[in-house]
Amino acid sequence: MKRKIAAIFAADIAGYSRLVAEDEEETLRRLVSYRQVTDDFIAKGGGRIFNTAGDAVLAEFPSAVEAVRCAIDIQESLRTRNMAYPPSRQMAFRIGITIGDVVERDGDLLGDGVNIAARLEGLAEVGGICISRAVHEQVANKLSVQFADIGAQEVKNIPTPVHAYMVAMRREDGTYATPQVKKPAKAQDAAQPNWMWPVAVTVVSLAAIGVGGFLYFTKLETSAPKAVASSSTASPVPSAVASSSAPPALAATAASPAPAASPAPAAKAAVPAPSASLPMVVSSEKFAAANVPFVSDKVRATLASDYAPAADFKAISLNIGGFNAFVTAQPSEEVAKSAAMEQCQKRADAAQSPRKCELYAVGDTVVYAHGRPPMPPLPWIRHDAVTEQPFAARAVPLTRDGGKARLENVYTPARKHKALALGPGGALFFPFALDSVEEAVRRALESCGGIAGVPCMLVALNDNFVVPIPITLKVTGFFKAAGTTMIAADARDDVARRLVDASSGWNAVAVGAAGRPGLGLKAANEQAAVTAALTDCAKRDSNCQVIAIGPFSVGPN
């Protein structure tokens, strides 16, 4: 362990539990998208994320100025994104920043500095930033923003009151809003009645309760049972099972996994359909059957032959799991939209799918609120005899025991063609019994990307892993050299380029205390790659450790 002074940045989402309870699917998808924004700004500001817990983020910065500038950039970027949603569905962060003495242990940071940052985050306004006096002294004359002094605040588990300031955030018209000044917890007037003290302390303490789970890092997986994708005229096609990692906040709201249901026939009666999880955003994209995501090639063919040439009024509805329905020749646009939603949702409900149907197209215009699902760059499959190995559910990374059990019980015995896609946060999707390898791969990546909100990785095809799966160290996420702050900035592009060029064999990356990297490339096995990376790193740095194996970031088991 070693001590150091650092600017500590703490953030979490205001009202996250309510958002999850109202619409788990949409909230998880947007969380991944918003976290990508925060992570990118933190990396650009020279920060390092050292702990996460669902919707919460803890990061360190070498500079208080960069920490506050990063926080302002994040809040302004997310404010713009939130404009697309009604106030009740907006997802806004609160951010707290302090400078403090912290202890570093195995990459994590501990101490009062971390705790105070978390308490300041609890004091911040929704979509706002709260900083300590130490930070204010560092940034007041360096950033062109205004601050509101909220005085000394009593916060939970911190013996000394924390003097805090609110950062003024920019309005839509470019002006700055003056933060609401909270009453200092410490009395400034000797004549102030003593009975006010417990009231003030209680109010401030309640504001900080929301960060109580900041330092617990775990995931909860939820699953969807078999989903039968069908159009209004086509027969059901093979099923797909999906699961996703969820943050600790879901523990009270996520249902136990439901048993897989057998494929259900197309519904004949209409049922009330839930409204779309996001407001419809009419795009300029014209309908093309070949671009419809999540569905089978057979459904695409049916849409091309029956829906595309049909006259108005018509509409298509689908969900991420592959359920779909379309109607044509309806008396009005509203009737067409309602009928498509009702038929699709009834099919999803019949198979106990938790995923809501949403309108994909109305007439010949695509209106799907989420756009095309994020996909990784081609090629999606790279066969390499050196790294491919038989599929084993227990070896799938970023997956908890419940997910591994479902993979063992459903994916392993399923007939070909099948594929398993994995998201950086642990989201999974695996269609099976499909007509071709290409269709299995496409549908796995589309649905996984739709769930995760970011591109997923194809990790298994039929009965083999198609990417290197580390076993010597624990997988912690997807590795991207260009955005890894542990590597010195001037070396990141070179590491990324060399990894792309080393397209076969086992690769590993090590890094030392000064951020100088070492690479082990095109090795015959995992251990050889690790040894080569550590040896290469030791030539130019000290205290080297392996941070990546194959396409994954790794850490101690």
Protein backbone atom coordinates (compact mmCIF):
# COMPACT_ATOMS: atom_id res chain seq x y z
CA MET A 1 0.00 0.00 0.00
CA LYS A 2 1.11 3.54 -0.67
CA ARG A 3 -0.27 6.96 0.18
CA LYS A 4 -0.75 9.83 -2.23
CA ILE A 5 -2.69 13.06 -2.73
CA ALA A 6 -5.29 12.91 -5.50
CA ALA A 7 -8.40 14.67 -6.74
CA ILE A 8 -11.22 12.18 -6.16
CA PHE A 9 -14.30 12.23 -8.43
CA ALA A 10 -17.51 10.46 -7.32
CA ALA A 11 -20.70 10.20 -9.40
CA ASP A 12 -23.95 8.32 -9.42
CA ILE A 13 -27.38 8.60 -11.03
CA ALA A 14 -30.14 10.44 -9.16
CA GLY A 15 -33.25 8.27 -8.70
CA TYR A 16 -31.64 5.24 -10.32
CA SER A 17 -33.72 2.68 -8.39
CA ARG A 18 -36.95 4.36 -9.51
CA LEU A 19 -35.80 4.40 -13.14
CA VAL A 20 -35.01 0.69 -12.99
CA ALA A 21 -38.32 -0.16 -11.34
CA GLU A 22 -40.25 1.73 -14.03
CA ASP A 23 -38.39 0.29 -17.05
CA GLU A 24 -35.46 -2.01 -16.35
CA GLU A 25 -34.64 -2.73 -20.00
CA GLU A 26 -34.41 0.87 -21.15
CA THR A 27 -32.58 2.00 -17.99
CA LEU A 28 -29.86 -0.63 -18.35
CA ARG A 29 -29.37 0.17 -22.02
CA ARG A 30 -29.07 3.89 -21.35
CA LEU A 31 -26.80 3.32 -18.35
CA VAL A 32 -24.23 1.62 -20.59
CA SER A 33 -24.50 4.44 -23.14
CA TYR A 34 -24.17 7.18 -20.51
CA ARG A 35 -21.30 5.36 -18.78
CA GLN A 36 -19.45 5.29 -22.08
CA VAL A 37 -19.73 9.09 -22.16
CA THR A 38 -18.44 9.49 -18.59
CA ASP A 39 -15.63 6.99 -19.10
CA ASP A 40 -14.47 8.73 -22.28
CA PHE A 41 -14.38 12.16 -20.62
CA ILE A 42 -12.54 10.76 -17.60
CA ALA A 43 -9.91 9.18 -19.84
CA LYS A 44 -9.53 12.39 -21.89
CA GLY A 45 -9.01 14.36 -18.68
CA GLY A 46 -6.19 12.08 -17.56
CA GLY A 47 -8.33 10.39 -14.92
CA ARG A 48 -8.46 6.75 -13.90
CA ILE A 49 -11.57 4.87 -12.82
CA PHE A 50 -10.65 2.82 -9.76
CA ASN A 51 -14.04 1.51 -8.67
CA THR A 52 -17.57 1.12 -10.00
CA ALA A 53 -20.81 -0.16 -8.51
CA GLY A 54 -23.68 -0.27 -10.98
CA ASP A 55 -24.62 3.36 -11.62
CA ALA A 56 -21.76 4.73 -9.47
CA VAL A 57 -18.26 5.71 -10.61
CA LEU A 58 -15.16 6.56 -8.57
CA ALA A 59 -12.17 8.06 -10.37
CA GLU A 60 -8.90 9.81 -9.50
CA PHE A 61 -7.29 12.76 -11.27
CA PRO A 62 -3.79 14.18 -10.86
CA SER A 63 -5.29 17.67 -11.22
CA ALA A 64 -8.32 19.24 -9.53
CA VAL A 65 -8.77 21.51 -12.55
CA GLU A 66 -9.03 18.53 -14.90
CA ALA A 67 -11.43 16.77 -12.53
CA VAL A 68 -13.82 19.74 -12.43
CA ARG A 69 -13.50 20.39 -16.17
CA CYS A 70 -14.28 16.71 -16.80
CA ALA A 71 -17.34 16.88 -14.51
CA ILE A 72 -18.67 19.97 -16.32
CA ASP A 73 -18.16 18.31 -19.72
CA ILE A 74 -20.00 15.20 -18.55
CA GLN A 75 -22.96 17.10 -17.15
CA GLU A 76 -23.33 19.28 -20.25
CA SER A 77 -23.08 16.29 -22.60
CA LEU A 78 -25.64 14.26 -20.65
CA ARG A 79 -27.97 17.26 -20.35
CA THR A 80 -28.10 17.38 -24.15
CA ARG A 81 -28.84 13.66 -24.33
CA ASN A 82 -31.60 13.96 -21.72
CA MET A 83 -33.48 16.48 -23.87
CA ALA A 84 -34.77 13.54 -25.94
CA TYR A 85 -36.66 12.13 -22.92
CA PRO A 86 -39.55 13.33 -20.75
CA PRO A 87 -38.52 14.73 -17.33
CA SER A 88 -39.61 11.57 -15.51
CA ARG A 89 -37.27 9.40 -17.63
CA GLN A 90 -34.22 11.64 -17.67
CA MET A 91 -31.06 10.06 -16.30
CA ALA A 92 -28.91 12.65 -14.54
CA PHE A 93 -25.70 12.25 -12.56
CA ARG A 94 -24.72 14.01 -9.37
CA ILE A 95 -20.97 14.54 -8.99
CA GLY A 96 -18.78 15.26 -5.96
CA ILE A 97 -15.07 16.17 -6.06
CA THR A 98 -12.47 16.66 -3.33
CA ILE A 99 -8.71 16.60 -2.88
CA GLY A 100 -7.46 14.22 -0.23
CA ASP A 101 -4.86 11.86 1.10
CA VAL A 102 -5.73 8.33 -0.01
CA VAL A 103 -4.24 4.85 0.26
CA GLU A 104 -3.76 2.83 -2.93
CA ARG A 105 -4.16 -0.94 -2.64
CA ASP A 106 -4.31 -3.26 -5.64
CA GLY A 107 -5.40 -0.37 -7.85
CA ASP A 108 -8.25 0.66 -5.54
CA LEU A 109 -8.19 3.84 -3.44
CA LEU A 110 -9.30 4.02 0.18
CA GLY A 111 -9.48 6.71 2.85
CA ASP A 112 -11.31 9.87 3.88
CA GLY A 113 -10.70 11.48 0.48
CA VAL A 114 -12.86 8.82 -1.18
CA ASN A 115 -15.53 9.00 1.51
CA ILE A 116 -15.75 12.80 1.38
CA ALA A 117 -16.10 12.78 -2.42
CA ALA A 118 -19.00 10.34 -2.07
CA ARG A 119 -20.67 12.57 0.54
CA LEU A 120 -20.22 15.65 -1.64
CA GLU A 121 -21.88 13.77 -4.49
CA GLY A 122 -24.86 13.22 -2.17
CA LEU A 123 -25.06 16.98 -1.57
CA ALA A 124 -24.96 17.87 -5.26
CA GLU A 125 -28.09 18.90 -7.14
CA VAL A 126 -29.48 16.54 -9.77
CA GLY A 127 -27.32 17.16 -12.82
CA GLY A 128 -24.98 19.28 -10.69
CA ILE A 129 -21.50 19.27 -9.15
CA CYS A 130 -20.47 19.80 -5.54
CA ILE A 131 -16.80 20.39 -4.63
CA SER A 132 -14.85 20.79 -1.41
CA ARG A 133 -13.15 24.03 -0.37
CA ALA A 134 -9.76 22.51 -1.20
CA VAL A 135 -10.88 21.97 -4.79
CA HIS A 136 -12.45 25.43 -4.99
CA GLU A 137 -9.15 27.03 -3.96
CA GLN A 138 -7.40 25.18 -6.79
CA VAL A 139 -9.87 25.93 -9.59
CA ALA A 140 -11.57 29.25 -8.72
CA ASN A 141 -9.16 31.35 -10.81
CA LYS A 142 -8.54 28.78 -13.53
CA LEU A 143 -12.02 27.91 -14.82
CA SER A 144 -14.55 30.45 -16.11
CA VAL A 145 -17.48 29.14 -14.07
CA GLN A 146 -19.34 30.47 -11.05
CA PHE A 147 -19.57 28.85 -7.62
CA ALA A 148 -22.04 29.07 -4.74
CA ASP A 149 -20.66 28.71 -1.21
CA ILE A 150 -22.94 26.37 0.77
CA GLY A 151 -20.85 26.53 3.90
CA ALA A 152 -19.73 23.79 6.26
CA GLN A 153 -21.78 20.63 5.93
CA GLU A 154 -22.06 17.82 8.46
CA VAL A 155 -21.89 14.54 6.53
CA LYS A 156 -22.18 10.94 7.61
CA ASN A 157 -19.12 9.23 9.08
CA ILE A 158 -16.90 12.32 8.61
CA PRO A 159 -16.08 13.83 12.05
CA THR A 160 -15.25 17.33 10.78
CA PRO A 161 -17.77 19.42 8.78
CA VAL A 162 -16.92 19.68 5.09
CA HIS A 163 -16.94 23.19 3.60
CA ALA A 164 -18.50 22.82 0.14
CA TYR A 165 -19.32 24.77 -3.01
CA MET A 166 -21.81 24.15 -5.82
CA VAL A 167 -20.70 24.65 -9.44
CA ALA A 168 -23.04 26.78 -11.57
CA MET A 169 -24.24 24.76 -14.58
CA ARG A 170 -24.98 26.25 -18.01
CA ARG A 171 -28.60 26.61 -19.10
CA GLU A 172 -29.89 25.82 -22.59
CA ASP A 173 -29.61 29.50 -23.59
CA GLY A 174 -25.92 29.61 -22.66
CA THR A 175 -26.35 31.48 -19.38
CA TYR A 176 -25.42 29.98 -16.02
CA ALA A 177 -27.87 28.96 -13.33
CA THR A 178 -27.01 29.97 -9.78
CA PRO A 179 -27.03 26.82 -7.62
CA GLN A 180 -29.45 26.69 -4.73
CA VAL A 181 -27.44 27.50 -1.61
CA LYS A 182 -27.99 24.86 1.03
CA LYS A 183 -28.06 25.97 4.64
CA PRO A 184 -24.70 25.34 6.34
CA ALA A 185 -24.94 22.56 8.85
CA LYS A 186 -22.68 24.44 11.25
CA ALA A 187 -24.32 27.45 12.87
CA GLN A 188 -22.82 30.79 11.94
CA ASP A 189 -24.87 32.86 14.38
CA ALA A 190 -24.35 32.31 18.11
CA ALA A 191 -27.98 33.27 18.70
CA GLN A 192 -29.32 30.50 16.48
CA PRO A 193 -31.63 28.18 18.46
CA ASN A 194 -29.98 24.92 19.50
CA TRP A 195 -32.94 22.86 18.30
CA MET A 196 -31.97 23.62 14.69
CA TRP A 197 -28.78 21.53 14.93
CA PRO A 198 -30.29 18.01 14.86
CA VAL A 199 -32.71 19.06 12.10
CA ALA A 200 -29.91 20.38 9.86
CA VAL A 201 -27.70 17.37 10.46
CA THR A 202 -30.56 14.97 9.72
CA VAL A 203 -31.41 16.67 6.41
CA VAL A 204 -27.83 16.58 5.19
CA SER A 205 -27.34 12.98 6.32
CA LEU A 206 -30.44 11.84 4.46
CA ALA A 207 -29.10 13.46 1.28
CA ALA A 208 -25.97 11.32 1.55
CA ILE A 209 -27.63 7.95 2.16
CA GLY A 210 -27.84 7.28 -1.60
CA VAL A 211 -24.11 6.66 -1.85
CA GLY A 212 -24.07 3.97 0.84
CA GLY A 213 -23.42 1.19 -1.64
CA PHE A 214 -20.64 2.96 -3.58
CA LEU A 215 -17.81 0.58 -2.81
CA TYR A 216 -19.56 -2.71 -3.38
CA PHE A 217 -18.72 -4.08 -6.83
CA THR A 218 -21.02 -6.86 -8.01
CA LYS A 219 -23.40 -7.72 -10.77
CA LEU A 220 -26.87 -9.29 -10.86
CA GLU A 221 -27.87 -11.20 -13.93
CA THR A 222 -31.43 -11.35 -15.17
CA SER A 223 -32.58 -13.56 -17.96
CA ALA A 224 -35.18 -13.74 -20.67
CA PRO A 225 -36.64 -17.12 -21.67
CA LYS A 226 -36.94 -18.46 -25.18
CA ALA A 227 -38.08 -15.91 -27.70
CA VAL A 228 -39.84 -16.95 -30.89
CA ALA A 229 -39.31 -14.45 -33.70
CA SER A 230 -42.18 -14.30 -36.16
CA SER A 231 -43.92 -11.91 -38.46
CA SER A 232 -47.68 -11.67 -38.73
CA THR A 233 -47.65 -14.11 -41.60
CA ALA A 234 -44.61 -16.27 -41.01
CA SER A 235 -44.29 -19.38 -38.87
CA PRO A 236 -42.23 -19.17 -35.68
CA VAL A 237 -38.48 -19.48 -36.19
CA PRO A 238 -35.89 -20.93 -33.81
CA SER A 239 -35.61 -19.51 -30.34
CA ALA A 240 -33.10 -17.32 -28.57
CA VAL A 241 -32.19 -16.95 -24.92
CA ALA A 242 -30.80 -13.72 -23.52
CA SER A 243 -29.36 -12.61 -20.22
CA SER A 244 -27.79 -9.40 -19.03
CA SER A 245 -25.67 -8.14 -16.12
CA ALA A 246 -27.34 -5.59 -13.91
CA PRO A 247 -25.98 -3.30 -11.19
CA PRO A 248 -26.61 -3.92 -7.48
CA ALA A 249 -29.55 -1.50 -7.51
CA LEU A 250 -31.60 -4.18 -9.30
CA ALA A 251 -31.46 -6.62 -6.42
CA ALA A 252 -34.82 -5.51 -5.12
CA THR A 253 -36.57 -5.24 -8.47
CA ALA A 254 -35.26 -8.03 -10.70
CA ALA A 255 -37.43 -11.13 -10.88
CA SER A 256 -36.07 -14.62 -10.65
CA PRO A 257 -35.28 -16.19 -14.01
CA ALA A 258 -38.35 -17.68 -15.59
CA PRO A 259 -38.25 -21.18 -17.09
CA ALA A 260 -37.81 -21.32 -20.85
CA ALA A 261 -41.11 -21.51 -22.68
CA SER A 262 -41.85 -23.56 -25.74
CA PRO A 263 -42.40 -21.69 -29.00
CA ALA A 264 -45.94 -20.35 -29.10
CA PRO A 265 -48.07 -20.06 -32.24
CA ALA A 266 -48.86 -16.66 -33.67
CA ALA A 267 -51.52 -14.86 -31.65
CA LYS A 268 -55.01 -14.49 -33.09
CA ALA A 269 -56.48 -12.13 -30.52
CA ALA A 270 -55.27 -8.68 -29.64
CA VAL A 271 -54.23 -7.70 -26.10
CA PRO A 272 -53.46 -4.27 -24.69
CA ALA A 273 -49.88 -3.45 -25.59
CA PRO A 274 -47.48 -1.46 -23.43
CA SER A 275 -46.29 1.83 -24.77
CA ALA A 276 -42.83 2.04 -26.28
CA SER A 277 -40.09 2.47 -23.67
CA LEU A 278 -38.69 5.54 -25.40
CA PRO A 279 -40.38 8.37 -27.29
CA MET A 280 -40.63 7.72 -30.99
CA VAL A 281 -38.01 9.53 -33.03
CA VAL A 282 -39.00 9.65 -36.69
CA SER A 283 -35.91 9.30 -38.83
CA SER A 284 -35.37 9.96 -42.49
CA GLU A 285 -34.32 6.36 -43.08
CA LYS A 286 -36.49 4.54 -45.57
CA PHE A 287 -37.60 1.03 -44.76
CA ALA A 288 -35.42 -1.77 -46.14
CA ALA A 289 -36.13 -5.35 -45.15
CA ALA A 290 -32.43 -6.24 -45.22
CA ASN A 291 -31.74 -3.71 -42.45
CA VAL A 292 -34.36 -4.88 -39.92
CA PRO A 293 -32.42 -5.97 -36.81
CA PHE A 294 -32.97 -8.88 -34.40
CA VAL A 295 -35.15 -10.95 -36.77
CA SER A 296 -34.33 -14.02 -38.86
CA ASP A 297 -33.44 -14.07 -42.52
CA LYS A 298 -36.81 -15.74 -43.21
CA VAL A 299 -38.68 -12.87 -41.56
CA ARG A 300 -36.62 -10.38 -43.57
CA ALA A 301 -37.63 -12.21 -46.74
CA THR A 302 -41.30 -12.09 -45.72
CA LEU A 303 -41.05 -8.37 -45.01
CA ALA A 304 -39.47 -7.82 -48.42
CA SER A 305 -42.18 -9.74 -50.26
CA ASP A 306 -45.28 -8.85 -48.23
CA TYR A 307 -44.68 -5.62 -46.31
CA ALA A 308 -42.45 -3.51 -48.54
CA PRO A 309 -44.75 -3.44 -51.61
CA ALA A 310 -47.97 -3.11 -49.58
CA ALA A 311 -49.88 0.16 -49.58
CA ASP A 312 -50.58 2.23 -46.48
CA PHE A 313 -51.62 2.10 -43.79
CA LYS A 314 -49.04 -0.34 -42.41
CA ALA A 315 -46.62 -0.78 -39.49
CA ILE A 316 -44.02 -3.15 -38.03
CA SER A 317 -43.28 -3.81 -34.36
CA LEU A 318 -40.43 -5.84 -32.85
CA ASN A 319 -38.36 -6.39 -29.74
CA ILE A 320 -34.70 -7.13 -29.08
CA GLY A 321 -35.40 -10.82 -28.58
CA GLY A 322 -36.68 -11.20 -32.13
CA PHE A 323 -40.46 -11.14 -31.66
CA ASN A 324 -42.15 -9.14 -34.41
CA ALA A 325 -45.42 -8.51 -36.20
CA PHE A 326 -46.58 -6.38 -39.09
CA VAL A 327 -49.92 -5.30 -40.47
CA THR A 328 -50.91 -3.79 -43.83
CA ALA A 329 -54.03 -2.28 -45.42
CA GLN A 330 -55.32 -0.77 -42.18
CA PRO A 331 -57.95 2.01 -42.10
CA SER A 332 -55.57 4.56 -40.52
CA GLU A 333 -52.00 5.01 -39.35
CA GLU A 334 -53.00 4.91 -35.68
CA VAL A 335 -54.86 1.62 -36.18
CA ALA A 336 -51.84 0.16 -37.99
CA LYS A 337 -49.45 1.14 -35.20
CA SER A 338 -51.76 -0.17 -32.49
CA ALA A 339 -52.39 -3.49 -34.26
CA ALA A 340 -48.69 -4.15 -34.91
CA MET A 341 -47.82 -3.42 -31.28
CA GLU A 342 -50.62 -5.59 -29.91
CA GLN A 343 -49.79 -8.61 -32.05
CA CYS A 344 -46.07 -8.40 -31.32
CA GLN A 345 -46.54 -7.93 -27.58
CA LYS A 346 -48.99 -10.80 -27.32
CA ARG A 347 -46.43 -13.15 -28.86
CA ALA A 348 -43.76 -11.90 -26.50
CA ASP A 349 -46.07 -12.28 -23.50
CA ALA A 350 -47.05 -15.80 -24.56
CA ALA A 351 -43.40 -16.86 -24.29
CA GLN A 352 -42.93 -14.88 -21.04
CA SER A 353 -40.42 -12.53 -22.62
CA PRO A 354 -39.73 -9.49 -20.41
CA ARG A 355 -38.69 -7.39 -23.39
CA LYS A 356 -41.20 -4.87 -24.71
CA CYS A 357 -42.17 -4.61 -28.34
CA GLU A 358 -41.62 -1.22 -29.99
CA LEU A 359 -42.59 0.25 -33.32
CA TYR A 360 -39.89 -0.25 -35.93
CA ALA A 361 -41.52 1.21 -39.05
CA VAL A 362 -44.69 3.08 -39.90
CA GLY A 363 -45.47 3.03 -43.58
CA ASP A 364 -42.16 3.11 -45.42
CA THR A 365 -40.31 5.10 -42.74
CA VAL A 366 -38.19 3.64 -39.93
CA VAL A 367 -39.26 5.12 -36.58
CA TYR A 368 -37.35 2.85 -34.19
CA ALA A 369 -36.34 5.05 -31.25
CA HIS A 370 -32.94 3.44 -30.68
CA GLY A 371 -31.55 3.45 -34.20
CA ARG A 372 -29.50 0.56 -35.48
CA PRO A 373 -27.95 -1.61 -32.76
CA PRO A 374 -24.24 -0.92 -32.20
CA MET A 375 -22.12 -3.53 -33.98
CA PRO A 376 -18.40 -4.31 -33.86
CA PRO A 377 -16.29 -3.76 -36.99
CA LEU A 378 -15.93 -6.57 -39.50
CA PRO A 379 -14.79 -9.29 -39.58
CA TRP A 380 -16.98 -10.58 -36.76
CA ILE A 381 -15.27 -13.99 -36.74
CA ARG A 382 -11.55 -14.71 -36.88
CA HIS A 383 -10.80 -18.41 -36.77
CA ASP A 384 -7.40 -19.19 -35.22
CA ALA A 385 -6.45 -22.78 -34.48
CA VAL A 386 -3.94 -21.61 -31.86
CA THR A 387 -6.51 -19.90 -29.64
CA GLU A 388 -9.78 -21.71 -30.43
CA GLN A 389 -10.84 -24.24 -27.81
CA PRO A 390 -13.97 -26.26 -26.97
CA PHE A 391 -16.77 -24.24 -25.42
CA ALA A 392 -17.14 -24.53 -21.64
CA ALA A 393 -19.86 -22.52 -19.89
CA ARG A 394 -17.80 -22.15 -16.71
CA ALA A 395 -15.05 -20.38 -18.68
CA VAL A 396 -17.25 -17.60 -20.15
CA PRO A 397 -15.86 -14.34 -18.72
CA LEU A 398 -17.78 -11.48 -17.05
CA THR A 399 -20.60 -13.89 -16.22
CA ARG A 400 -21.91 -14.86 -12.80
CA ASP A 401 -22.88 -18.36 -11.73
CA GLY A 402 -26.53 -17.99 -12.73
CA GLY A 403 -25.59 -17.02 -16.27
CA LYS A 404 -23.07 -19.83 -16.54
CA ALA A 405 -25.70 -22.32 -15.40
CA ARG A 406 -28.07 -21.13 -18.14
CA LEU A 407 -25.31 -21.42 -20.71
CA GLU A 408 -24.58 -24.96 -19.53
CA ASN A 409 -28.25 -25.98 -19.56
CA VAL A 410 -29.40 -24.18 -22.70
CA TYR A 411 -26.54 -23.16 -24.99
CA THR A 412 -24.32 -26.23 -24.61
CA PRO A 413 -26.96 -28.83 -25.65
CA ALA A 414 -28.64 -26.59 -28.25
CA ARG A 415 -28.38 -27.64 -31.85
CA LYS A 416 -26.51 -25.69 -34.51
CA HIS A 417 -26.25 -23.09 -35.73
CA LYS A 418 -25.72 -21.08 -32.57
CA ALA A 419 -23.58 -18.17 -31.42
CA LEU A 420 -22.78 -16.41 -28.14
CA ALA A 421 -22.20 -12.64 -28.00
CA LEU A 422 -20.85 -10.93 -24.88
CA GLY A 423 -21.01 -7.26 -23.86
CA PRO A 424 -18.31 -5.40 -21.88
CA GLY A 425 -20.63 -5.20 -18.88
CA GLY A 426 -21.56 -8.89 -19.01
CA ALA A 427 -24.66 -8.77 -21.26
CA LEU A 428 -25.20 -12.05 -23.13
CA PHE A 429 -27.29 -13.16 -26.08
CA PHE A 430 -27.23 -16.54 -27.75
CA PRO A 431 -29.62 -17.55 -30.55
CA PHE A 432 -29.55 -21.19 -31.59
CA ALA A 433 -31.00 -23.68 -34.06
CA LEU A 434 -30.69 -21.13 -36.87
CA ASP A 435 -30.34 -21.80 -40.59
CA SER A 436 -26.78 -20.54 -41.04
CA VAL A 437 -23.66 -19.48 -39.20
CA GLU A 438 -23.98 -15.98 -40.63
CA GLU A 439 -27.51 -15.55 -39.29
CA ALA A 440 -26.55 -16.83 -35.84
CA VAL A 441 -23.63 -14.42 -35.63
CA ARG A 442 -25.62 -11.42 -36.87
CA ARG A 443 -28.56 -11.97 -34.55
CA ALA A 444 -26.33 -12.60 -31.52
CA LEU A 445 -24.38 -9.36 -32.06
CA GLU A 446 -27.47 -7.27 -32.92
CA SER A 447 -29.48 -8.34 -29.89
CA CYS A 448 -26.52 -8.21 -27.50
CA GLY A 449 -25.64 -4.74 -28.80
CA GLY A 450 -29.25 -3.64 -28.35
CA ILE A 451 -29.20 -4.85 -24.75
CA ALA A 452 -25.76 -3.49 -23.86
CA GLY A 453 -25.99 -0.22 -25.79
CA VAL A 454 -22.42 -0.73 -27.08
CA PRO A 455 -20.86 -3.20 -29.52
CA CYS A 456 -20.58 -6.74 -28.21
CA MET A 457 -17.97 -9.40 -28.98
CA LEU A 458 -18.64 -12.81 -30.52
CA VAL A 459 -16.97 -15.22 -28.09
CA ALA A 460 -18.38 -18.59 -29.16
CA LEU A 461 -19.67 -20.13 -32.37
CA ASN A 462 -21.39 -23.49 -32.27
CA ASP A 463 -19.26 -25.61 -29.89
CA ASN A 464 -16.03 -23.59 -29.80
CA PHE A 465 -14.69 -20.38 -28.31
CA VAL A 466 -13.53 -18.16 -31.19
CA VAL A 467 -11.54 -15.67 -29.07
CA PRO A 468 -8.75 -16.34 -26.54
CA ILE A 469 -10.30 -16.91 -23.09
CA PRO A 470 -7.82 -16.09 -20.28
CA ILE A 471 -7.56 -18.43 -17.31
CA THR A 472 -4.39 -17.20 -15.55
CA LEU A 473 -5.97 -13.86 -14.53
CA LYS A 474 -9.52 -12.60 -13.99
CA VAL A 475 -11.23 -10.89 -16.94
CA THR A 476 -12.49 -7.42 -15.93
CA GLY A 477 -13.76 -6.05 -19.26
CA PHE A 478 -12.91 -5.42 -22.91
CA PHE A 479 -9.42 -4.07 -23.57
CA LYS A 480 -8.94 -0.92 -25.67
CA ALA A 481 -5.35 0.23 -25.72
CA ALA A 482 -6.17 3.70 -27.04
CA GLY A 483 -8.33 4.50 -24.02
CA THR A 484 -6.31 2.78 -21.30
CA THR A 485 -4.92 5.40 -18.93
CA MET A 486 -2.55 2.90 -17.29
CA ILE A 487 -0.49 3.03 -20.50
CA ALA A 488 1.53 6.21 -21.08
CA ALA A 489 -0.31 8.47 -23.53
CA ASP A 490 2.54 8.51 -26.04
CA ALA A 491 2.57 4.70 -26.23
CA ARG A 492 -1.15 3.88 -26.56
CA ASP A 493 -1.46 4.22 -30.33
CA ASP A 494 1.61 2.07 -30.91
CA VAL A 495 0.24 -0.66 -28.62
CA ALA A 496 -3.11 -0.57 -30.42
CA ARG A 497 -1.46 -0.80 -33.83
CA ARG A 498 0.78 -3.69 -32.86
CA LEU A 499 -2.13 -5.64 -31.39
CA VAL A 500 -4.14 -5.21 -34.60
CA ASP A 501 -1.18 -6.46 -36.63
CA ALA A 502 -0.83 -9.52 -34.35
CA SER A 503 -4.05 -11.15 -35.53
CA SER A 504 -3.11 -14.73 -34.65
CA GLY A 505 -1.86 -16.49 -31.54
CA TRP A 506 -1.99 -15.32 -27.94
CA ASN A 507 -1.29 -11.66 -27.11
CA ALA A 508 -0.69 -10.03 -23.73
CA VAL A 509 0.04 -6.49 -22.52
CA ALA A 510 1.94 -5.57 -19.36
CA VAL A 511 2.58 -2.11 -17.95
CA GLY A 512 4.91 -0.69 -15.31
CA ALA A 513 4.74 2.05 -12.71
CA ALA A 514 5.64 4.73 -15.27
CA GLY A 515 3.12 3.47 -17.81
CA ARG A 516 5.69 1.96 -20.17
CA PRO A 517 4.13 -1.08 -21.88
CA GLY A 518 5.50 -4.50 -22.68
CA LEU A 519 3.95 -6.82 -25.29
CA GLY A 520 3.88 -10.55 -25.80
CA LEU A 521 2.57 -11.19 -29.31
CA LYS A 522 1.64 -14.21 -31.42
CA ALA A 523 2.55 -16.65 -28.64
CA ALA A 524 1.70 -20.33 -28.81
CA ASN A 525 -0.19 -20.28 -25.51
CA GLU A 526 -1.44 -17.93 -22.81
CA GLN A 527 1.43 -18.39 -20.38
CA ALA A 528 4.02 -17.75 -23.07
CA ALA A 529 2.30 -14.48 -24.00
CA VAL A 530 2.15 -13.37 -20.35
CA THR A 531 5.82 -14.18 -19.75
CA ALA A 532 6.90 -12.35 -22.91
CA ALA A 533 4.85 -9.26 -22.00
CA LEU A 534 6.33 -9.07 -18.49
CA THR A 535 9.87 -9.57 -19.82
CA ASP A 536 9.41 -6.86 -22.44
CA CYS A 537 7.95 -4.45 -19.86
CA ALA A 538 10.80 -5.06 -17.39
CA LYS A 539 13.30 -3.78 -19.98
CA ARG A 540 11.92 -0.22 -19.69
CA ASP A 541 9.88 -0.01 -16.47
CA SER A 542 9.49 -1.39 -12.93
CA ASN A 543 6.67 -3.11 -11.01
CA CYS A 544 5.26 -4.53 -14.23
CA GLN A 545 1.85 -6.21 -14.23
CA VAL A 546 -0.27 -7.80 -16.95
CA ILE A 547 -3.34 -5.71 -17.82
CA ALA A 548 -4.64 -7.49 -20.95
CA ILE A 549 -4.74 -10.97 -22.43
CA GLY A 550 -6.25 -11.39 -25.88
CA PRO A 551 -9.17 -8.97 -26.29
CA PHE A 552 -9.82 -8.67 -22.54
CA SER A 553 -8.63 -6.47 -19.69
CA VAL A 554 -7.47 -8.60 -16.77
CA GLY A 555 -6.69 -8.24 -13.08
CA PRO A 556 -5.82 -10.43 -10.10
CA ASN A 557 -8.01 -13.49 -9.53
